[in-house]
Amino acid sequence: MKDEYKEFYESNEEDMNSKSDAKVILFLIIVAVMAMTYWVAVQ
């Protein structure tokens, strides 16, 4: 899986930045879903 994305990124640094961004976005989505679930539950 490591070499799968070499054609899309010029360097390993860009690849790592992309993976880091994806993890941050996933975390934010999870937090948003939990917040919405709590907000609906207390209504």
C-alpha atoms as a PDB file:
ATOM      1  CA  MET A   1       0.000   0.000   0.000  1.00  0.00           C
ATOM      2  CA  LYS A   2       2.957   2.288   0.550  1.00  0.00           C
ATOM      3  CA  ASP A   3       3.820   2.583  -3.149  1.00  0.00           C
ATOM      4  CA  GLU A   4       0.224   2.925  -4.336  1.00  0.00           C
ATOM      5  CA  TYR A   5       0.200   6.714  -4.106  1.00  0.00           C
ATOM      6  CA  LYS A   6       3.685   7.480  -5.435  1.00  0.00           C
ATOM      7  CA  GLU A   7       2.230   8.464  -8.798  1.00  0.00           C
ATOM      8  CA  PHE A   8       0.051  11.137  -7.170  1.00  0.00           C
ATOM      9  CA  TYR A   9       2.635  12.839  -4.948  1.00  0.00           C
ATOM     10  CA  GLU A  10       5.998  14.301  -5.856  1.00  0.00           C
ATOM     11  CA  SER A  11       7.616  13.552  -2.519  1.00  0.00           C
ATOM     12  CA  ASN A  12       7.121  11.572   0.662  1.00  0.00           C
ATOM     13  CA  GLU A  13       6.548  14.846   2.508  1.00  0.00           C
ATOM     14  CA  GLU A  14       3.487  15.626   0.378  1.00  0.00           C
ATOM     15  CA  ASP A  15       2.228  12.080   0.933  1.00  0.00           C
ATOM     16  CA  MET A  16       2.602  12.439   4.706  1.00  0.00           C
ATOM     17  CA  ASN A  17       0.866  15.841   4.656  1.00  0.00           C
ATOM     18  CA  SER A  18      -2.053  14.310   2.799  1.00  0.00           C
ATOM     19  CA  LYS A  19      -2.369  11.450   5.274  1.00  0.00           C
ATOM     20  CA  SER A  20      -2.170  13.898   8.181  1.00  0.00           C
ATOM     21  CA  ASP A  21      -4.884  16.081   6.640  1.00  0.00           C
ATOM     22  CA  ALA A  22      -7.093  13.037   6.141  1.00  0.00           C
ATOM     23  CA  LYS A  23      -6.705  12.048   9.808  1.00  0.00           C
ATOM     24  CA  VAL A  24      -7.581  15.568  10.983  1.00  0.00           C
ATOM     25  CA  ILE A  25     -10.676  15.685   8.753  1.00  0.00           C
ATOM     26  CA  LEU A  26     -11.783  12.248   9.954  1.00  0.00           C
ATOM     27  CA  PHE A  27     -11.365  13.370  13.564  1.00  0.00           C
ATOM     28  CA  LEU A  28     -13.399  16.533  12.932  1.00  0.00           C
ATOM     29  CA  ILE A  29     -16.177  14.537  11.261  1.00  0.00           C
ATOM     30  CA  ILE A  30     -16.334  12.139  14.213  1.00  0.00           C
ATOM     31  CA  VAL A  31     -16.489  15.028  16.688  1.00  0.00           C
ATOM     32  CA  ALA A  32     -19.215  16.746  14.643  1.00  0.00           C
ATOM     33  CA  VAL A  33     -21.327  13.578  14.505  1.00  0.00           C
ATOM     34  CA  MET A  34     -20.958  13.069  18.248  1.00  0.00           C
ATOM     35  CA  ALA A  35     -21.916  16.699  18.910  1.00  0.00           C
ATOM     36  CA  MET A  36     -24.983  16.467  16.662  1.00  0.00           C
ATOM     37  CA  THR A  37     -26.025  13.191  18.288  1.00  0.00           C
ATOM     38  CA  TYR A  38     -25.749  14.753  21.755  1.00  0.00           C
ATOM     39  CA  TRP A  39     -27.607  17.897  20.642  1.00  0.00           C
ATOM     40  CA  VAL A  40     -30.485  15.825  19.220  1.00  0.00           C
ATOM     41  CA  ALA A  41     -30.582  13.620  22.331  1.00  0.00           C
ATOM     42  CA  VAL A  42     -31.034  16.543  24.740  1.00  0.00           C
ATOM     43  CA  GLN A  43     -33.819  18.184  22.721  1.00  0.00           C
END
